[in-house]
mmCIF file of all heavy atoms, coordinates in Angstrom:
data_MODEL
# 
_entry.id   MODEL 
# 
loop_
_atom_site.group_PDB 
_atom_site.id 
_atom_site.type_symbol 
_atom_site.label_atom_id 
_atom_site.label_alt_id 
_atom_site.label_comp_id 
_atom_site.label_asym_id 
_atom_site.label_entity_id 
_atom_site.label_seq_id 
_atom_site.pdbx_PDB_ins_code 
_atom_site.Cartn_x 
_atom_site.Cartn_y 
_atom_site.Cartn_z 
_atom_site.occupancy 
_atom_site.B_iso_or_equiv 
_atom_site.pdbx_formal_charge 
_atom_site.auth_seq_id 
_atom_site.auth_comp_id 
_atom_site.auth_asym_id 
_atom_site.auth_atom_id 
_atom_site.pdbx_PDB_model_num 
ATOM 1   N N   . ARG A 1 1  ? 0.848   -1.213  0.046   1.00 0.00 ? 1  ARG A N   1 
ATOM 2   C CA  . ARG A 1 1  ? -0.100  -0.062  -0.067  1.00 0.00 ? 1  ARG A CA  1 
ATOM 3   C C   . ARG A 1 1  ? 0.897   1.245   -0.048  1.00 0.00 ? 1  ARG A C   1 
ATOM 4   O O   . ARG A 1 1  ? 0.625   2.154   -0.691  1.00 0.00 ? 1  ARG A O   1 
ATOM 5   C CB  . ARG A 1 1  ? -1.023  -0.008  1.159   1.00 0.00 ? 1  ARG A CB  1 
ATOM 6   C CG  . ARG A 1 1  ? -2.135  0.953   0.958   1.00 0.00 ? 1  ARG A CG  1 
ATOM 7   C CD  . ARG A 1 1  ? -3.048  0.782   2.078   1.00 0.00 ? 1  ARG A CD  1 
ATOM 8   N NE  . ARG A 1 1  ? -3.575  -0.493  2.554   1.00 0.00 ? 1  ARG A NE  1 
ATOM 9   C CZ  . ARG A 1 1  ? -4.561  -1.247  1.711   1.00 0.00 ? 1  ARG A CZ  1 
ATOM 10  N NH1 . ARG A 1 1  ? -5.128  -0.560  0.708   1.00 0.00 ? 1  ARG A NH1 1 
ATOM 11  N NH2 . ARG A 1 1  ? -4.819  -2.492  2.158   1.00 0.00 ? 1  ARG A NH2 1 
ATOM 12  N N   . PRO A 1 2  ? 1.828   1.364   0.822   1.00 0.00 ? 2  PRO A N   1 
ATOM 13  C CA  . PRO A 1 2  ? 2.537   2.701   0.849   1.00 0.00 ? 2  PRO A CA  1 
ATOM 14  C C   . PRO A 1 2  ? 3.470   3.022   -0.408  1.00 0.00 ? 2  PRO A C   1 
ATOM 15  O O   . PRO A 1 2  ? 3.969   4.065   -0.582  1.00 0.00 ? 2  PRO A O   1 
ATOM 16  C CB  . PRO A 1 2  ? 3.497   2.589   2.086   1.00 0.00 ? 2  PRO A CB  1 
ATOM 17  C CG  . PRO A 1 2  ? 3.108   1.406   2.921   1.00 0.00 ? 2  PRO A CG  1 
ATOM 18  C CD  . PRO A 1 2  ? 2.380   0.498   1.847   1.00 0.00 ? 2  PRO A CD  1 
ATOM 19  N N   . ILE A 1 3  ? 3.708   1.990   -1.183  1.00 0.00 ? 3  ILE A N   1 
ATOM 20  C CA  . ILE A 1 3  ? 4.680   2.075   -2.371  1.00 0.00 ? 3  ILE A CA  1 
ATOM 21  C C   . ILE A 1 3  ? 4.053   1.782   -3.689  1.00 0.00 ? 3  ILE A C   1 
ATOM 22  O O   . ILE A 1 3  ? 4.644   1.793   -4.730  1.00 0.00 ? 3  ILE A O   1 
ATOM 23  C CB  . ILE A 1 3  ? 5.937   1.167   -2.153  1.00 0.00 ? 3  ILE A CB  1 
ATOM 24  C CG1 . ILE A 1 3  ? 5.432   -0.294  -1.999  1.00 0.00 ? 3  ILE A CG1 1 
ATOM 25  C CG2 . ILE A 1 3  ? 6.879   1.719   -1.056  1.00 0.00 ? 3  ILE A CG2 1 
ATOM 26  C CD1 . ILE A 1 3  ? 6.611   -1.231  -1.931  1.00 0.00 ? 3  ILE A CD1 1 
ATOM 27  N N   . THR A 1 4  ? 2.618   1.825   -3.692  1.00 0.00 ? 4  THR A N   1 
ATOM 28  C CA  . THR A 1 4  ? 1.912   1.767   -4.971  1.00 0.00 ? 4  THR A CA  1 
ATOM 29  C C   . THR A 1 4  ? 0.848   2.740   -5.078  1.00 0.00 ? 4  THR A C   1 
ATOM 30  O O   . THR A 1 4  ? 0.493   3.381   -4.100  1.00 0.00 ? 4  THR A O   1 
ATOM 31  C CB  . THR A 1 4  ? 1.358   0.325   -5.139  1.00 0.00 ? 4  THR A CB  1 
ATOM 32  O OG1 . THR A 1 4  ? 0.382   0.146   -3.961  1.00 0.00 ? 4  THR A OG1 1 
ATOM 33  C CG2 . THR A 1 4  ? 2.239   -0.815  -5.088  1.00 0.00 ? 4  THR A CG2 1 
ATOM 34  N N   . LYS A 1 5  ? 0.323   2.871   -6.270  1.00 0.00 ? 5  LYS A N   1 
ATOM 35  C CA  . LYS A 1 5  ? -0.862  3.787   -6.418  1.00 0.00 ? 5  LYS A CA  1 
ATOM 36  C C   . LYS A 1 5  ? -2.107  3.011   -6.143  1.00 0.00 ? 5  LYS A C   1 
ATOM 37  O O   . LYS A 1 5  ? -3.150  3.605   -5.843  1.00 0.00 ? 5  LYS A O   1 
ATOM 38  C CB  . LYS A 1 5  ? -0.860  4.391   -7.918  1.00 0.00 ? 5  LYS A CB  1 
ATOM 39  C CG  . LYS A 1 5  ? 0.327   5.168   -8.369  1.00 0.00 ? 5  LYS A CG  1 
ATOM 40  C CD  . LYS A 1 5  ? 0.324   5.669   -9.692  1.00 0.00 ? 5  LYS A CD  1 
ATOM 41  C CE  . LYS A 1 5  ? -0.796  6.736   -9.847  1.00 0.00 ? 5  LYS A CE  1 
ATOM 42  N NZ  . LYS A 1 5  ? -0.763  7.320   -11.208 1.00 0.00 ? 5  LYS A NZ  1 
ATOM 43  N N   . TYR A 1 6  ? -2.135  1.766   -6.227  1.00 0.00 ? 6  TYR A N   1 
ATOM 44  C CA  . TYR A 1 6  ? -3.242  0.917   -5.923  1.00 0.00 ? 6  TYR A CA  1 
ATOM 45  C C   . TYR A 1 6  ? -2.908  -0.411  -5.673  1.00 0.00 ? 6  TYR A C   1 
ATOM 46  O O   . TYR A 1 6  ? -1.984  -1.014  -6.333  1.00 0.00 ? 6  TYR A O   1 
ATOM 47  C CB  . TYR A 1 6  ? -4.199  1.063   -7.214  1.00 0.00 ? 6  TYR A CB  1 
ATOM 48  C CG  . TYR A 1 6  ? -5.457  0.211   -7.161  1.00 0.00 ? 6  TYR A CG  1 
ATOM 49  C CD1 . TYR A 1 6  ? -6.518  0.712   -6.425  1.00 0.00 ? 6  TYR A CD1 1 
ATOM 50  C CD2 . TYR A 1 6  ? -5.611  -1.050  -7.747  1.00 0.00 ? 6  TYR A CD2 1 
ATOM 51  C CE1 . TYR A 1 6  ? -7.790  0.003   -6.280  1.00 0.00 ? 6  TYR A CE1 1 
ATOM 52  C CE2 . TYR A 1 6  ? -6.800  -1.687  -7.643  1.00 0.00 ? 6  TYR A CE2 1 
ATOM 53  C CZ  . TYR A 1 6  ? -7.827  -1.263  -6.937  1.00 0.00 ? 6  TYR A CZ  1 
ATOM 54  O OH  . TYR A 1 6  ? -8.946  -1.981  -6.873  1.00 0.00 ? 6  TYR A OH  1 
ATOM 55  N N   . THR A 1 7  ? -3.535  -1.106  -4.709  1.00 0.00 ? 7  THR A N   1 
ATOM 56  C CA  . THR A 1 7  ? -3.316  -2.589  -4.486  1.00 0.00 ? 7  THR A CA  1 
ATOM 57  C C   . THR A 1 7  ? -4.543  -3.141  -3.952  1.00 0.00 ? 7  THR A C   1 
ATOM 58  O O   . THR A 1 7  ? -5.373  -2.495  -3.289  1.00 0.00 ? 7  THR A O   1 
ATOM 59  C CB  . THR A 1 7  ? -2.115  -2.611  -3.336  1.00 0.00 ? 7  THR A CB  1 
ATOM 60  O OG1 . THR A 1 7  ? -2.058  -3.917  -3.079  1.00 0.00 ? 7  THR A OG1 1 
ATOM 61  C CG2 . THR A 1 7  ? -2.432  -1.826  -2.048  1.00 0.00 ? 7  THR A CG2 1 
ATOM 62  N N   . HIS A 1 8  ? -4.790  -4.356  -4.286  1.00 0.00 ? 8  HIS A N   1 
ATOM 63  C CA  . HIS A 1 8  ? -6.153  -5.020  -4.117  1.00 0.00 ? 8  HIS A CA  1 
ATOM 64  C C   . HIS A 1 8  ? -6.030  -6.478  -4.176  1.00 0.00 ? 8  HIS A C   1 
ATOM 65  O O   . HIS A 1 8  ? -5.296  -7.076  -4.994  1.00 0.00 ? 8  HIS A O   1 
ATOM 66  C CB  . HIS A 1 8  ? -7.214  -4.628  -5.166  1.00 0.00 ? 8  HIS A CB  1 
ATOM 67  C CG  . HIS A 1 8  ? -8.420  -5.093  -5.101  1.00 0.00 ? 8  HIS A CG  1 
ATOM 68  N ND1 . HIS A 1 8  ? -9.457  -4.722  -4.208  1.00 0.00 ? 8  HIS A ND1 1 
ATOM 69  C CD2 . HIS A 1 8  ? -9.125  -6.139  -5.766  1.00 0.00 ? 8  HIS A CD2 1 
ATOM 70  C CE1 . HIS A 1 8  ? -10.452 -5.389  -4.301  1.00 0.00 ? 8  HIS A CE1 1 
ATOM 71  N NE2 . HIS A 1 8  ? -10.352 -6.248  -5.323  1.00 0.00 ? 8  HIS A NE2 1 
ATOM 72  N N   . GLN A 1 9  ? -6.730  -7.174  -3.328  1.00 0.00 ? 9  GLN A N   1 
ATOM 73  C CA  . GLN A 1 9  ? -6.783  -8.658  -3.273  1.00 0.00 ? 9  GLN A CA  1 
ATOM 74  C C   . GLN A 1 9  ? -8.120  -9.064  -4.130  1.00 0.00 ? 9  GLN A C   1 
ATOM 75  O O   . GLN A 1 9  ? -9.166  -8.640  -3.765  1.00 0.00 ? 9  GLN A O   1 
ATOM 76  C CB  . GLN A 1 9  ? -6.876  -9.251  -2.073  1.00 0.00 ? 9  GLN A CB  1 
ATOM 77  C CG  . GLN A 1 9  ? -6.958  -10.922 -1.950  1.00 0.00 ? 9  GLN A CG  1 
ATOM 78  C CD  . GLN A 1 9  ? -7.242  -11.444 -0.586  1.00 0.00 ? 9  GLN A CD  1 
ATOM 79  O OE1 . GLN A 1 9  ? -8.372  -11.333 -0.131  1.00 0.00 ? 9  GLN A OE1 1 
ATOM 80  N NE2 . GLN A 1 9  ? -6.360  -12.053 -0.023  1.00 0.00 ? 9  GLN A NE2 1 
ATOM 81  N N   . LEU A 1 10 ? -7.915  -9.840  -5.106  1.00 0.00 ? 10 LEU A N   1 
ATOM 82  C CA  . LEU A 1 10 ? -9.081  -10.370 -5.890  1.00 0.00 ? 10 LEU A CA  1 
ATOM 83  C C   . LEU A 1 10 ? -9.702  -11.426 -5.087  1.00 0.00 ? 10 LEU A C   1 
ATOM 84  O O   . LEU A 1 10 ? -9.293  -12.525 -4.913  1.00 0.00 ? 10 LEU A O   1 
ATOM 85  C CB  . LEU A 1 10 ? -8.692  -10.859 -7.287  1.00 0.00 ? 10 LEU A CB  1 
ATOM 86  C CG  . LEU A 1 10 ? -8.068  -9.765  -8.251  1.00 0.00 ? 10 LEU A CG  1 
ATOM 87  C CD1 . LEU A 1 10 ? -7.337  -10.288 -9.430  1.00 0.00 ? 10 LEU A CD1 1 
ATOM 88  C CD2 . LEU A 1 10 ? -9.350  -8.780  -8.637  1.00 0.00 ? 10 LEU A CD2 1 
ATOM 89  N N   . ALA A 1 11 ? -11.065 -11.182 -4.664  1.00 0.00 ? 11 ALA A N   1 
ATOM 90  C CA  . ALA A 1 11 ? -11.804 -12.129 -3.865  1.00 0.00 ? 11 ALA A CA  1 
ATOM 91  C C   . ALA A 1 11 ? -12.846 -12.719 -4.672  1.00 0.00 ? 11 ALA A C   1 
ATOM 92  O O   . ALA A 1 11 ? -13.543 -13.616 -4.228  1.00 0.00 ? 11 ALA A O   1 
ATOM 93  C CB  . ALA A 1 11 ? -12.441 -11.472 -2.717  1.00 0.00 ? 11 ALA A CB  1 
ATOM 94  N N   . SER A 1 12 ? -13.045 -12.299 -5.893  1.00 0.00 ? 12 SER A N   1 
ATOM 95  C CA  . SER A 1 12 ? -14.128 -12.735 -6.799  1.00 0.00 ? 12 SER A CA  1 
ATOM 96  C C   . SER A 1 12 ? -13.687 -12.610 -8.323  1.00 0.00 ? 12 SER A C   1 
ATOM 97  O O   . SER A 1 12 ? -13.291 -11.694 -8.621  1.00 0.00 ? 12 SER A O   1 
ATOM 98  C CB  . SER A 1 12 ? -15.507 -12.080 -6.543  1.00 0.00 ? 12 SER A CB  1 
ATOM 99  O OG  . SER A 1 12 ? -16.403 -12.315 -7.570  1.00 0.00 ? 12 SER A OG  1 
ATOM 100 N N   . ALA A 1 13 ? -13.843 -13.716 -8.992  1.00 0.00 ? 13 ALA A N   1 
ATOM 101 C CA  . ALA A 1 13 ? -13.627 -13.744 -10.370 1.00 0.00 ? 13 ALA A CA  1 
ATOM 102 C C   . ALA A 1 13 ? -14.299 -12.647 -11.152 1.00 0.00 ? 13 ALA A C   1 
ATOM 103 O O   . ALA A 1 13 ? -13.847 -12.140 -12.164 1.00 0.00 ? 13 ALA A O   1 
ATOM 104 C CB  . ALA A 1 13 ? -13.890 -15.141 -11.187 1.00 0.00 ? 13 ALA A CB  1 
ATOM 105 N N   . ASP A 1 14 ? -15.514 -12.314 -10.814 1.00 0.00 ? 14 ASP A N   1 
ATOM 106 C CA  . ASP A 1 14 ? -16.444 -11.468 -11.485 1.00 0.00 ? 14 ASP A CA  1 
ATOM 107 C C   . ASP A 1 14 ? -15.754 -10.034 -11.453 1.00 0.00 ? 14 ASP A C   1 
ATOM 108 O O   . ASP A 1 14 ? -16.015 -9.224  -12.309 1.00 0.00 ? 14 ASP A O   1 
ATOM 109 C CB  . ASP A 1 14 ? -17.800 -11.377 -10.774 1.00 0.00 ? 14 ASP A CB  1 
ATOM 110 C CG  . ASP A 1 14 ? -18.587 -12.683 -10.977 1.00 0.00 ? 14 ASP A CG  1 
ATOM 111 O OD1 . ASP A 1 14 ? -18.188 -13.435 -11.880 1.00 0.00 ? 14 ASP A OD1 1 
ATOM 112 O OD2 . ASP A 1 14 ? -19.603 -12.928 -10.276 1.00 0.00 ? 14 ASP A OD2 1 
ATOM 113 N N   . ASN A 1 15 ? -14.826 -9.741  -10.419 1.00 0.00 ? 15 ASN A N   1 
ATOM 114 C CA  . ASN A 1 15 ? -14.356 -8.366  -10.258 1.00 0.00 ? 15 ASN A CA  1 
ATOM 115 C C   . ASN A 1 15 ? -12.990 -8.175  -11.080 1.00 0.00 ? 15 ASN A C   1 
ATOM 116 O O   . ASN A 1 15 ? -12.466 -7.162  -11.093 1.00 0.00 ? 15 ASN A O   1 
ATOM 117 C CB  . ASN A 1 15 ? -13.942 -8.108  -8.848  1.00 0.00 ? 15 ASN A CB  1 
ATOM 118 C CG  . ASN A 1 15 ? -15.281 -7.855  -7.996  1.00 0.00 ? 15 ASN A CG  1 
ATOM 119 O OD1 . ASN A 1 15 ? -16.377 -7.508  -8.583  1.00 0.00 ? 15 ASN A OD1 1 
ATOM 120 N ND2 . ASN A 1 15 ? -15.231 -8.073  -6.763  1.00 0.00 ? 15 ASN A ND2 1 
ATOM 121 N N   . ILE A 1 16 ? -12.490 -9.251  -11.676 1.00 0.00 ? 16 ILE A N   1 
ATOM 122 C CA  . ILE A 1 16 ? -11.140 -9.117  -12.403 1.00 0.00 ? 16 ILE A CA  1 
ATOM 123 C C   . ILE A 1 16 ? -11.182 -7.934  -13.488 1.00 0.00 ? 16 ILE A C   1 
ATOM 124 O O   . ILE A 1 16 ? -10.239 -7.186  -13.474 1.00 0.00 ? 16 ILE A O   1 
ATOM 125 C CB  . ILE A 1 16 ? -10.813 -10.580 -13.009 1.00 0.00 ? 16 ILE A CB  1 
ATOM 126 C CG1 . ILE A 1 16 ? -10.509 -11.525 -11.769 1.00 0.00 ? 16 ILE A CG1 1 
ATOM 127 C CG2 . ILE A 1 16 ? -9.653  -10.407 -13.944 1.00 0.00 ? 16 ILE A CG2 1 
ATOM 128 C CD1 . ILE A 1 16 ? -10.234 -12.899 -12.278 1.00 0.00 ? 16 ILE A CD1 1 
ATOM 129 N N   . PRO A 1 17 ? -12.181 -8.061  -14.400 1.00 0.00 ? 17 PRO A N   1 
ATOM 130 C CA  . PRO A 1 17 ? -12.025 -7.006  -15.471 1.00 0.00 ? 17 PRO A CA  1 
ATOM 131 C C   . PRO A 1 17 ? -11.970 -5.537  -14.930 1.00 0.00 ? 17 PRO A C   1 
ATOM 132 O O   . PRO A 1 17 ? -11.237 -4.766  -15.342 1.00 0.00 ? 17 PRO A O   1 
ATOM 133 C CB  . PRO A 1 17 ? -13.235 -7.169  -16.282 1.00 0.00 ? 17 PRO A CB  1 
ATOM 134 C CG  . PRO A 1 17 ? -13.603 -8.638  -16.068 1.00 0.00 ? 17 PRO A CG  1 
ATOM 135 C CD  . PRO A 1 17 ? -13.238 -8.878  -14.679 1.00 0.00 ? 17 PRO A CD  1 
ATOM 136 N N   . SER A 1 18 ? -12.781 -5.268  -13.958 1.00 0.00 ? 18 SER A N   1 
ATOM 137 C CA  . SER A 1 18 ? -12.858 -3.813  -13.476 1.00 0.00 ? 18 SER A CA  1 
ATOM 138 C C   . SER A 1 18 ? -11.521 -3.533  -12.597 1.00 0.00 ? 18 SER A C   1 
ATOM 139 O O   . SER A 1 18 ? -10.975 -2.478  -12.806 1.00 0.00 ? 18 SER A O   1 
ATOM 140 C CB  . SER A 1 18 ? -13.976 -3.603  -12.541 1.00 0.00 ? 18 SER A CB  1 
ATOM 141 O OG  . SER A 1 18 ? -14.034 -4.465  -11.331 1.00 0.00 ? 18 SER A OG  1 
ATOM 142 N N   . ARG A 1 19 ? -10.986 -4.529  -11.982 1.00 0.00 ? 19 ARG A N   1 
ATOM 143 C CA  . ARG A 1 19 ? -9.770  -4.333  -11.171 1.00 0.00 ? 19 ARG A CA  1 
ATOM 144 C C   . ARG A 1 19 ? -8.506  -4.262  -12.040 1.00 0.00 ? 19 ARG A C   1 
ATOM 145 O O   . ARG A 1 19 ? -7.728  -3.347  -11.726 1.00 0.00 ? 19 ARG A O   1 
ATOM 146 C CB  . ARG A 1 19 ? -9.540  -5.342  -9.991  1.00 0.00 ? 19 ARG A CB  1 
ATOM 147 C CG  . ARG A 1 19 ? -10.592 -5.431  -9.018  1.00 0.00 ? 19 ARG A CG  1 
ATOM 148 C CD  . ARG A 1 19 ? -10.909 -4.139  -8.348  1.00 0.00 ? 19 ARG A CD  1 
ATOM 149 N NE  . ARG A 1 19 ? -11.874 -3.409  -9.072  1.00 0.00 ? 19 ARG A NE  1 
ATOM 150 C CZ  . ARG A 1 19 ? -12.124 -2.103  -8.744  1.00 0.00 ? 19 ARG A CZ  1 
ATOM 151 N NH1 . ARG A 1 19 ? -11.383 -1.294  -8.048  1.00 0.00 ? 19 ARG A NH1 1 
ATOM 152 N NH2 . ARG A 1 19 ? -13.018 -1.525  -9.473  1.00 0.00 ? 19 ARG A NH2 1 
ATOM 153 N N   . VAL A 1 20 ? -8.528  -5.028  -13.096 1.00 0.00 ? 20 VAL A N   1 
ATOM 154 C CA  . VAL A 1 20 ? -7.344  -4.959  -14.010 1.00 0.00 ? 20 VAL A CA  1 
ATOM 155 C C   . VAL A 1 20 ? -7.355  -3.507  -14.725 1.00 0.00 ? 20 VAL A C   1 
ATOM 156 O O   . VAL A 1 20 ? -6.304  -2.963  -14.947 1.00 0.00 ? 20 VAL A O   1 
ATOM 157 C CB  . VAL A 1 20 ? -7.435  -6.050  -14.951 1.00 0.00 ? 20 VAL A CB  1 
ATOM 158 C CG1 . VAL A 1 20 ? -6.351  -5.938  -16.065 1.00 0.00 ? 20 VAL A CG1 1 
ATOM 159 C CG2 . VAL A 1 20 ? -7.041  -7.429  -14.316 1.00 0.00 ? 20 VAL A CG2 1 
ATOM 160 N N   . ARG A 1 21 ? -8.632  -3.202  -15.319 1.00 0.00 ? 21 ARG A N   1 
ATOM 161 C CA  . ARG A 1 21 ? -8.654  -1.817  -15.973 1.00 0.00 ? 21 ARG A CA  1 
ATOM 162 C C   . ARG A 1 21 ? -8.305  -0.874  -15.002 1.00 0.00 ? 21 ARG A C   1 
ATOM 163 O O   . ARG A 1 21 ? -7.538  0.150   -15.417 1.00 0.00 ? 21 ARG A O   1 
ATOM 164 C CB  . ARG A 1 21 ? -10.120 -1.698  -16.390 1.00 0.00 ? 21 ARG A CB  1 
ATOM 165 C CG  . ARG A 1 21 ? -10.533 -0.331  -16.966 1.00 0.00 ? 21 ARG A CG  1 
ATOM 166 C CD  . ARG A 1 21 ? -10.109 -0.320  -18.554 1.00 0.00 ? 21 ARG A CD  1 
ATOM 167 N NE  . ARG A 1 21 ? -8.627  -0.213  -18.833 1.00 0.00 ? 21 ARG A NE  1 
ATOM 168 C CZ  . ARG A 1 21 ? -8.014  1.067   -18.943 1.00 0.00 ? 21 ARG A CZ  1 
ATOM 169 N NH1 . ARG A 1 21 ? -8.635  2.029   -18.697 1.00 0.00 ? 21 ARG A NH1 1 
ATOM 170 N NH2 . ARG A 1 21 ? -6.702  0.958   -19.183 1.00 0.00 ? 21 ARG A NH2 1 
ATOM 171 N N   . GLU A 1 22 ? -8.693  -0.755  -13.825 1.00 0.00 ? 22 GLU A N   1 
ATOM 172 C CA  . GLU A 1 22 ? -8.306  0.345   -12.769 1.00 0.00 ? 22 GLU A CA  1 
ATOM 173 C C   . GLU A 1 22 ? -6.938  0.350   -12.576 1.00 0.00 ? 22 GLU A C   1 
ATOM 174 O O   . GLU A 1 22 ? -6.159  1.404   -12.496 1.00 0.00 ? 22 GLU A O   1 
ATOM 175 C CB  . GLU A 1 22 ? -9.035  0.027   -11.410 1.00 0.00 ? 22 GLU A CB  1 
ATOM 176 C CG  . GLU A 1 22 ? -8.873  1.040   -10.445 1.00 0.00 ? 22 GLU A CG  1 
ATOM 177 C CD  . GLU A 1 22 ? -9.559  2.411   -10.758 1.00 0.00 ? 22 GLU A CD  1 
ATOM 178 O OE1 . GLU A 1 22 ? -10.103 2.630   -11.929 1.00 0.00 ? 22 GLU A OE1 1 
ATOM 179 O OE2 . GLU A 1 22 ? -9.627  3.282   -9.851  1.00 0.00 ? 22 GLU A OE2 1 
ATOM 180 N N   . CYS A 1 23 ? -6.231  -0.877  -12.507 1.00 0.00 ? 23 CYS A N   1 
ATOM 181 C CA  . CYS A 1 23 ? -4.784  -0.874  -12.288 1.00 0.00 ? 23 CYS A CA  1 
ATOM 182 C C   . CYS A 1 23 ? -3.951  -0.302  -13.455 1.00 0.00 ? 23 CYS A C   1 
ATOM 183 O O   . CYS A 1 23 ? -3.082  0.515   -13.251 1.00 0.00 ? 23 CYS A O   1 
ATOM 184 C CB  . CYS A 1 23 ? -4.260  -2.354  -12.175 1.00 0.00 ? 23 CYS A CB  1 
ATOM 185 S SG  . CYS A 1 23 ? -4.557  -2.985  -10.573 1.00 0.00 ? 23 CYS A SG  1 
ATOM 186 N N   . PHE A 1 24 ? -4.461  -0.504  -14.653 1.00 0.00 ? 24 PHE A N   1 
ATOM 187 C CA  . PHE A 1 24 ? -3.846  0.049   -15.799 1.00 0.00 ? 24 PHE A CA  1 
ATOM 188 C C   . PHE A 1 24 ? -4.106  1.569   -15.969 1.00 0.00 ? 24 PHE A C   1 
ATOM 189 O O   . PHE A 1 24 ? -3.247  2.377   -16.198 1.00 0.00 ? 24 PHE A O   1 
ATOM 190 C CB  . PHE A 1 24 ? -4.388  -0.610  -17.128 1.00 0.00 ? 24 PHE A CB  1 
ATOM 191 C CG  . PHE A 1 24 ? -3.639  -1.819  -17.506 1.00 0.00 ? 24 PHE A CG  1 
ATOM 192 C CD1 . PHE A 1 24 ? -3.824  -3.024  -16.834 1.00 0.00 ? 24 PHE A CD1 1 
ATOM 193 C CD2 . PHE A 1 24 ? -2.539  -1.994  -18.455 1.00 0.00 ? 24 PHE A CD2 1 
ATOM 194 C CE1 . PHE A 1 24 ? -3.094  -4.153  -17.119 1.00 0.00 ? 24 PHE A CE1 1 
ATOM 195 C CE2 . PHE A 1 24 ? -1.814  -3.000  -18.718 1.00 0.00 ? 24 PHE A CE2 1 
ATOM 196 C CZ  . PHE A 1 24 ? -2.039  -4.291  -18.012 1.00 0.00 ? 24 PHE A CZ  1 
ATOM 197 N N   . ARG A 1 25 ? -5.286  1.972   -15.670 1.00 0.00 ? 25 ARG A N   1 
ATOM 198 C CA  . ARG A 1 25 ? -5.672  3.372   -15.829 1.00 0.00 ? 25 ARG A CA  1 
ATOM 199 C C   . ARG A 1 25 ? -4.744  4.172   -14.575 1.00 0.00 ? 25 ARG A C   1 
ATOM 200 O O   . ARG A 1 25 ? -4.178  5.208   -14.959 1.00 0.00 ? 25 ARG A O   1 
ATOM 201 C CB  . ARG A 1 25 ? -7.101  3.542   -15.343 1.00 0.00 ? 25 ARG A CB  1 
ATOM 202 C CG  . ARG A 1 25 ? -7.611  5.148   -15.286 1.00 0.00 ? 25 ARG A CG  1 
ATOM 203 C CD  . ARG A 1 25 ? -9.059  5.196   -14.851 1.00 0.00 ? 25 ARG A CD  1 
ATOM 204 N NE  . ARG A 1 25 ? -8.999  5.019   -13.419 1.00 0.00 ? 25 ARG A NE  1 
ATOM 205 C CZ  . ARG A 1 25 ? -8.913  6.037   -12.554 1.00 0.00 ? 25 ARG A CZ  1 
ATOM 206 N NH1 . ARG A 1 25 ? -8.520  7.211   -12.934 1.00 0.00 ? 25 ARG A NH1 1 
ATOM 207 N NH2 . ARG A 1 25 ? -8.992  5.841   -11.392 1.00 0.00 ? 25 ARG A NH2 1 
ATOM 208 N N   . LEU A 1 26 ? -4.647  3.695   -13.525 1.00 0.00 ? 26 LEU A N   1 
ATOM 209 C CA  . LEU A 1 26 ? -3.935  4.357   -12.365 1.00 0.00 ? 26 LEU A CA  1 
ATOM 210 C C   . LEU A 1 26 ? -2.441  4.304   -12.709 1.00 0.00 ? 26 LEU A C   1 
ATOM 211 O O   . LEU A 1 26 ? -1.720  5.245   -12.395 1.00 0.00 ? 26 LEU A O   1 
ATOM 212 C CB  . LEU A 1 26 ? -4.355  3.830   -11.163 1.00 0.00 ? 26 LEU A CB  1 
ATOM 213 C CG  . LEU A 1 26 ? -5.569  4.197   -10.588 1.00 0.00 ? 26 LEU A CG  1 
ATOM 214 C CD1 . LEU A 1 26 ? -5.876  3.394   -9.311  1.00 0.00 ? 26 LEU A CD1 1 
ATOM 215 C CD2 . LEU A 1 26 ? -5.815  5.737   -10.315 1.00 0.00 ? 26 LEU A CD2 1 
ATOM 216 N N   . ALA A 1 27 ? -1.998  3.092   -13.179 1.00 0.00 ? 27 ALA A N   1 
ATOM 217 C CA  . ALA A 1 27 ? -0.503  3.030   -13.524 1.00 0.00 ? 27 ALA A CA  1 
ATOM 218 C C   . ALA A 1 27 ? 0.038   3.992   -14.450 1.00 0.00 ? 27 ALA A C   1 
ATOM 219 O O   . ALA A 1 27 ? 1.056   4.603   -14.386 1.00 0.00 ? 27 ALA A O   1 
ATOM 220 C CB  . ALA A 1 27 ? -0.200  1.563   -13.879 1.00 0.00 ? 27 ALA A CB  1 
ATOM 221 N N   . GLU A 1 28 ? -0.819  4.298   -15.467 1.00 0.00 ? 28 GLU A N   1 
ATOM 222 C CA  . GLU A 1 28 ? -0.467  5.144   -16.583 1.00 0.00 ? 28 GLU A CA  1 
ATOM 223 C C   . GLU A 1 28 ? -0.843  6.685   -16.328 1.00 0.00 ? 28 GLU A C   1 
ATOM 224 O O   . GLU A 1 28 ? -0.220  7.486   -17.044 1.00 0.00 ? 28 GLU A O   1 
ATOM 225 C CB  . GLU A 1 28 ? -1.016  4.667   -17.897 1.00 0.00 ? 28 GLU A CB  1 
ATOM 226 C CG  . GLU A 1 28 ? -0.503  3.267   -18.248 1.00 0.00 ? 28 GLU A CG  1 
ATOM 227 C CD  . GLU A 1 28 ? -1.096  2.589   -19.453 1.00 0.00 ? 28 GLU A CD  1 
ATOM 228 O OE1 . GLU A 1 28 ? -1.926  3.278   -20.128 1.00 0.00 ? 28 GLU A OE1 1 
ATOM 229 O OE2 . GLU A 1 28 ? -0.901  1.364   -19.673 1.00 0.00 ? 28 GLU A OE2 1 
# 
């Protein structure tokens, strides 16, 4: 958490697309 812009544990397969998209959006 202190060294990233976003960190998350995937607890459901249904959330994978939104969390991956969010990671790419924030990373860039």
